[in-house]
Amino acid sequence: MEQFFYREDQLCQHLGVDREQLEHWQHLCIFPQASYSLENTIQCHSVQGIYDCQVFWLYYPIAMQDWGRQIAKANIESASVAFNLFAQRAMQAPLLFAKRGALPG
C-alpha cells in the first residue's frame, strides 16, 4: 500500500498543508476523498493495564500530491475553476505523451 499511496498525514506534509486545509478542499469539491481507509483495533499493554487502541488511516494515491500542489499554487477556491484546470491538463496530456514518443503514431 505504501508504495502507491500516501497516508493523509504524509500527503499533507508533502503538500505543506494541514488536515483542515485538505478537508476544506474536499468540502469545496476540488480535491478527492481518500481512496482507501484502514481501521485497526489492537490491544495495548502498559503499566496502567490492558486497553484497546483504535487506529484509523486514510490513503491517497501518490499522484494526488501533484494535483494538490496545482490547486495550492493557483489558490483555487472553486470547483468550476478546478474543473477547468483539470480539463486543460487532461487535454495537454496526449500532446506531452506524443512529444515523448509514448503514444503510437
N, C-alpha and C. Protein backbone atom coordinates (compact mmCIF):
# COMPACT_ATOMS: atom_id res chain seq x y z
N MET A 1 0.82 -1.19 0.00
CA MET A 1 0.00 0.00 0.00
C MET A 1 0.87 1.26 0.00
N GLU A 2 1.91 1.26 0.81
CA GLU A 2 2.77 2.44 0.95
C GLU A 2 3.56 2.75 -0.33
N GLN A 3 3.62 1.79 -1.25
CA GLN A 3 4.36 2.01 -2.49
C GLN A 3 3.62 2.96 -3.43
N PHE A 4 2.30 2.92 -3.40
CA PHE A 4 1.50 3.71 -4.35
C PHE A 4 0.59 4.74 -3.69
N PHE A 5 0.54 4.73 -2.36
CA PHE A 5 -0.36 5.62 -1.64
C PHE A 5 0.34 6.32 -0.49
N TYR A 6 -0.11 7.53 -0.21
CA TYR A 6 0.33 8.27 0.98
C TYR A 6 -0.78 8.21 2.02
N ARG A 7 -0.39 8.06 3.28
CA ARG A 7 -1.35 8.28 4.35
C ARG A 7 -1.68 9.76 4.36
N GLU A 8 -2.81 10.11 4.93
CA GLU A 8 -3.25 11.50 4.95
C GLU A 8 -2.19 12.43 5.54
N ASP A 9 -1.57 12.03 6.63
CA ASP A 9 -0.55 12.89 7.25
C ASP A 9 0.66 13.07 6.34
N GLN A 10 1.03 12.02 5.60
CA GLN A 10 2.16 12.12 4.67
C GLN A 10 1.82 13.05 3.52
N LEU A 11 0.60 12.92 2.98
CA LEU A 11 0.19 13.79 1.88
C LEU A 11 0.20 15.24 2.32
N CYS A 12 -0.36 15.52 3.49
CA CYS A 12 -0.37 16.90 3.99
C CYS A 12 1.05 17.43 4.15
N GLN A 13 1.94 16.59 4.65
CA GLN A 13 3.33 17.01 4.83
C GLN A 13 3.97 17.35 3.48
N HIS A 14 3.76 16.51 2.48
CA HIS A 14 4.33 16.76 1.15
C HIS A 14 3.74 18.02 0.51
N LEU A 15 2.47 18.29 0.79
CA LEU A 15 1.82 19.47 0.22
C LEU A 15 2.09 20.74 1.02
N GLY A 16 2.54 20.57 2.25
CA GLY A 16 2.77 21.74 3.11
C GLY A 16 1.48 22.36 3.60
N VAL A 17 0.44 21.53 3.76
CA VAL A 17 -0.84 22.00 4.28
C VAL A 17 -1.22 21.17 5.50
N ASP A 18 -2.16 21.68 6.28
CA ASP A 18 -2.64 20.89 7.41
C ASP A 18 -3.90 20.13 7.01
N ARG A 19 -4.34 19.28 7.90
CA ARG A 19 -5.51 18.43 7.64
C ARG A 19 -6.76 19.28 7.38
N GLU A 20 -6.87 20.40 8.08
CA GLU A 20 -8.03 21.27 7.90
C GLU A 20 -8.10 21.83 6.48
N GLN A 21 -6.93 22.17 5.91
CA GLN A 21 -6.90 22.67 4.53
C GLN A 21 -7.34 21.59 3.56
N LEU A 22 -6.85 20.38 3.77
CA LEU A 22 -7.25 19.27 2.92
C LEU A 22 -8.76 19.06 2.99
N GLU A 23 -9.32 19.08 4.20
CA GLU A 23 -10.77 18.93 4.37
C GLU A 23 -11.53 20.09 3.72
N HIS A 24 -10.96 21.28 3.77
CA HIS A 24 -11.58 22.44 3.13
C HIS A 24 -11.65 22.23 1.62
N TRP A 25 -10.55 21.78 1.03
CA TRP A 25 -10.55 21.48 -0.41
C TRP A 25 -11.59 20.43 -0.76
N GLN A 26 -11.71 19.42 0.09
CA GLN A 26 -12.69 18.37 -0.16
C GLN A 26 -14.12 18.92 -0.03
N HIS A 27 -14.33 19.79 0.92
CA HIS A 27 -15.65 20.41 1.09
C HIS A 27 -16.01 21.25 -0.15
N LEU A 28 -15.01 21.89 -0.75
CA LEU A 28 -15.23 22.68 -1.96
C LEU A 28 -15.32 21.81 -3.22
N CYS A 29 -15.09 20.51 -3.06
CA CYS A 29 -15.12 19.54 -4.17
C CYS A 29 -14.01 19.80 -5.19
N ILE A 30 -12.85 20.24 -4.71
CA ILE A 30 -11.72 20.44 -5.61
C ILE A 30 -10.60 19.43 -5.34
N PHE A 31 -10.76 18.60 -4.33
CA PHE A 31 -9.79 17.55 -4.02
C PHE A 31 -10.58 16.30 -3.64
N PRO A 32 -10.19 15.14 -4.18
CA PRO A 32 -10.97 13.92 -3.93
C PRO A 32 -10.82 13.39 -2.50
N GLN A 33 -11.79 12.60 -2.12
CA GLN A 33 -11.73 11.89 -0.85
C GLN A 33 -10.65 10.80 -0.95
N ALA A 34 -10.29 10.24 0.17
CA ALA A 34 -9.29 9.18 0.21
C ALA A 34 -9.77 7.97 -0.60
N SER A 35 -8.82 7.27 -1.19
CA SER A 35 -9.13 6.07 -1.96
C SER A 35 -9.36 4.85 -1.07
N TYR A 36 -8.63 4.81 0.03
CA TYR A 36 -8.73 3.68 0.96
C TYR A 36 -8.74 4.20 2.39
N SER A 37 -9.38 3.43 3.24
CA SER A 37 -9.28 3.70 4.68
C SER A 37 -9.04 2.37 5.38
N LEU A 38 -8.16 2.42 6.35
CA LEU A 38 -7.85 1.23 7.15
C LEU A 38 -8.16 1.54 8.60
N GLU A 39 -8.82 0.61 9.24
CA GLU A 39 -9.13 0.76 10.65
C GLU A 39 -8.61 -0.48 11.38
N ASN A 40 -7.77 -0.24 12.37
CA ASN A 40 -7.19 -1.33 13.15
C ASN A 40 -7.56 -1.15 14.62
N THR A 41 -7.94 -2.22 15.24
CA THR A 41 -8.14 -2.23 16.68
C THR A 41 -7.13 -3.21 17.25
N ILE A 42 -6.30 -2.72 18.15
CA ILE A 42 -5.29 -3.57 18.76
C ILE A 42 -5.40 -3.47 20.28
N GLN A 43 -4.85 -4.44 20.94
CA GLN A 43 -4.86 -4.43 22.39
C GLN A 43 -3.50 -3.93 22.89
N CYS A 44 -3.52 -2.86 23.67
CA CYS A 44 -2.30 -2.25 24.16
C CYS A 44 -2.07 -2.66 25.61
N HIS A 45 -0.83 -3.00 25.92
CA HIS A 45 -0.45 -3.39 27.26
C HIS A 45 0.50 -2.33 27.81
N SER A 46 0.21 -1.83 28.98
CA SER A 46 1.10 -0.86 29.61
C SER A 46 1.05 -1.07 31.11
N VAL A 47 1.82 -0.26 31.83
CA VAL A 47 1.81 -0.36 33.30
C VAL A 47 0.45 0.02 33.86
N GLN A 48 -0.34 0.73 33.08
CA GLN A 48 -1.68 1.13 33.51
C GLN A 48 -2.72 0.06 33.24
N GLY A 49 -2.34 -1.01 32.56
CA GLY A 49 -3.26 -2.10 32.29
C GLY A 49 -3.37 -2.40 30.81
N ILE A 50 -4.39 -3.15 30.48
CA ILE A 50 -4.65 -3.54 29.10
C ILE A 50 -5.86 -2.75 28.61
N TYR A 51 -5.72 -2.18 27.43
CA TYR A 51 -6.83 -1.42 26.86
C TYR A 51 -6.78 -1.53 25.34
N ASP A 52 -7.92 -1.29 24.71
CA ASP A 52 -8.00 -1.34 23.26
C ASP A 52 -7.58 0.00 22.67
N CYS A 53 -6.80 -0.07 21.60
CA CYS A 53 -6.40 1.13 20.85
C CYS A 53 -6.99 1.00 19.46
N GLN A 54 -7.52 2.09 18.95
CA GLN A 54 -8.06 2.07 17.61
C GLN A 54 -7.30 3.08 16.76
N VAL A 55 -6.85 2.63 15.59
CA VAL A 55 -6.09 3.46 14.67
C VAL A 55 -6.84 3.48 13.34
N PHE A 56 -6.96 4.68 12.77
CA PHE A 56 -7.68 4.85 11.52
C PHE A 56 -6.79 5.64 10.57
N TRP A 57 -6.53 5.09 9.38
CA TRP A 57 -5.69 5.76 8.39
C TRP A 57 -6.45 5.93 7.09
N LEU A 58 -6.25 7.08 6.46
CA LEU A 58 -6.80 7.36 5.14
C LEU A 58 -5.63 7.36 4.15
N TYR A 59 -5.84 6.76 2.99
CA TYR A 59 -4.78 6.65 1.98
C TYR A 59 -5.21 7.33 0.68
N TYR A 60 -4.28 8.11 0.11
CA TYR A 60 -4.49 8.83 -1.13
C TYR A 60 -3.44 8.38 -2.13
N PRO A 61 -3.79 8.27 -3.43
CA PRO A 61 -2.79 7.93 -4.44
C PRO A 61 -1.65 8.96 -4.43
N ILE A 62 -0.45 8.51 -4.63
CA ILE A 62 0.71 9.40 -4.63
C ILE A 62 0.54 10.53 -5.64
N ALA A 63 -0.12 10.24 -6.76
CA ALA A 63 -0.32 11.27 -7.80
C ALA A 63 -1.15 12.45 -7.31
N MET A 64 -1.91 12.28 -6.24
CA MET A 64 -2.71 13.39 -5.71
C MET A 64 -1.82 14.52 -5.18
N GLN A 65 -0.56 14.20 -4.92
CA GLN A 65 0.38 15.23 -4.48
C GLN A 65 0.52 16.30 -5.56
N ASP A 66 0.60 15.89 -6.81
CA ASP A 66 0.74 16.85 -7.91
C ASP A 66 -0.51 17.72 -8.03
N TRP A 67 -1.69 17.11 -7.94
CA TRP A 67 -2.94 17.87 -8.03
C TRP A 67 -3.04 18.86 -6.86
N GLY A 68 -2.69 18.43 -5.67
CA GLY A 68 -2.72 19.32 -4.51
C GLY A 68 -1.80 20.51 -4.69
N ARG A 69 -0.63 20.27 -5.25
CA ARG A 69 0.30 21.38 -5.50
C ARG A 69 -0.27 22.36 -6.52
N GLN A 70 -0.95 21.82 -7.54
CA GLN A 70 -1.53 22.68 -8.56
C GLN A 70 -2.62 23.58 -7.97
N ILE A 71 -3.50 23.02 -7.16
CA ILE A 71 -4.58 23.85 -6.62
C ILE A 71 -4.06 24.82 -5.56
N ALA A 72 -3.02 24.42 -4.85
CA ALA A 72 -2.42 25.34 -3.87
C ALA A 72 -1.71 26.48 -4.59
N LYS A 73 -0.97 26.17 -5.63
CA LYS A 73 -0.22 27.17 -6.39
C LYS A 73 -1.17 28.17 -7.04
N ALA A 74 -2.28 27.67 -7.60
CA ALA A 74 -3.25 28.52 -8.28
C ALA A 74 -4.24 29.16 -7.29
N ASN A 75 -4.15 28.78 -6.02
CA ASN A 75 -5.04 29.30 -4.98
C ASN A 75 -6.51 29.13 -5.37
N ILE A 76 -6.85 27.93 -5.81
CA ILE A 76 -8.20 27.64 -6.29
C ILE A 76 -9.16 27.47 -5.12
N GLU A 77 -10.30 28.11 -5.21
CA GLU A 77 -11.34 28.02 -4.19
C GLU A 77 -12.70 27.70 -4.79
N SER A 78 -12.72 27.25 -6.03
CA SER A 78 -13.98 26.99 -6.72
C SER A 78 -13.89 25.69 -7.51
N ALA A 79 -14.95 24.90 -7.43
CA ALA A 79 -14.98 23.63 -8.15
C ALA A 79 -14.93 23.86 -9.67
N SER A 80 -15.57 24.90 -10.15
CA SER A 80 -15.58 25.14 -11.60
C SER A 80 -14.18 25.53 -12.09
N VAL A 81 -13.46 26.33 -11.31
CA VAL A 81 -12.09 26.69 -11.69
C VAL A 81 -11.20 25.46 -11.65
N ALA A 82 -11.38 24.62 -10.63
CA ALA A 82 -10.61 23.38 -10.53
C ALA A 82 -10.90 22.47 -11.72
N PHE A 83 -12.17 22.38 -12.11
CA PHE A 83 -12.53 21.54 -13.25
C PHE A 83 -11.87 22.04 -14.52
N ASN A 84 -11.87 23.36 -14.72
CA ASN A 84 -11.23 23.93 -15.91
C ASN A 84 -9.74 23.63 -15.94
N LEU A 85 -9.07 23.75 -14.79
CA LEU A 85 -7.65 23.43 -14.70
C LEU A 85 -7.41 21.97 -15.03
N PHE A 86 -8.25 21.10 -14.47
CA PHE A 86 -8.13 19.67 -14.74
C PHE A 86 -8.35 19.38 -16.22
N ALA A 87 -9.35 20.01 -16.82
CA ALA A 87 -9.64 19.79 -18.24
C ALA A 87 -8.46 20.24 -19.10
N GLN A 88 -7.87 21.38 -18.78
CA GLN A 88 -6.70 21.85 -19.53
C GLN A 88 -5.57 20.85 -19.45
N ARG A 89 -5.32 20.35 -18.25
CA ARG A 89 -4.24 19.37 -18.08
C ARG A 89 -4.54 18.07 -18.81
N ALA A 90 -5.81 17.65 -18.80
CA ALA A 90 -6.19 16.41 -19.48
C ALA A 90 -6.03 16.54 -20.99
N MET A 91 -6.33 17.72 -21.52
CA MET A 91 -6.19 17.91 -22.96
C MET A 91 -4.72 18.04 -23.37
N GLN A 92 -3.88 18.51 -22.48
CA GLN A 92 -2.45 18.64 -22.77
C GLN A 92 -1.71 17.32 -22.65
N ALA A 93 -2.23 16.39 -21.88
CA ALA A 93 -1.54 15.13 -21.62
C ALA A 93 -1.21 14.36 -22.89
N PRO A 94 -2.16 14.16 -23.83
CA PRO A 94 -1.79 13.42 -25.06
C PRO A 94 -0.68 14.10 -25.85
N LEU A 95 -0.68 15.43 -25.86
CA LEU A 95 0.38 16.15 -26.57
C LEU A 95 1.74 15.89 -25.94
N LEU A 96 1.76 15.90 -24.60
CA LEU A 96 3.02 15.63 -23.90
C LEU A 96 3.49 14.20 -24.15
N PHE A 97 2.56 13.26 -24.14
CA PHE A 97 2.92 11.86 -24.41
C PHE A 97 3.44 11.71 -25.84
N ALA A 98 2.81 12.38 -26.79
CA ALA A 98 3.23 12.28 -28.18
C ALA A 98 4.63 12.85 -28.36
N LYS A 99 4.92 13.97 -27.68
CA LYS A 99 6.27 14.56 -27.77
C LYS A 99 7.32 13.60 -27.23
N ARG A 100 6.94 12.85 -26.23
CA ARG A 100 7.90 11.89 -25.63
C ARG A 100 7.93 10.58 -26.40
N GLY A 101 7.07 10.43 -27.38
CA GLY A 101 7.04 9.19 -28.15
C GLY A 101 6.31 8.07 -27.42
N ALA A 102 5.47 8.42 -26.46
CA ALA A 102 4.79 7.41 -25.67
C ALA A 102 3.49 6.94 -26.31
N LEU A 103 2.99 7.65 -27.31
CA LEU A 103 1.76 7.24 -27.99
C LEU A 103 2.10 6.62 -29.34
N PRO A 104 1.35 5.60 -29.71
CA PRO A 104 1.58 5.01 -31.04
C PRO A 104 1.23 6.02 -32.12
N GLY A 105 2.00 6.09 -33.14
CA GLY A 105 1.81 7.07 -34.20
C GLY A 105 0.98 6.59 -35.27
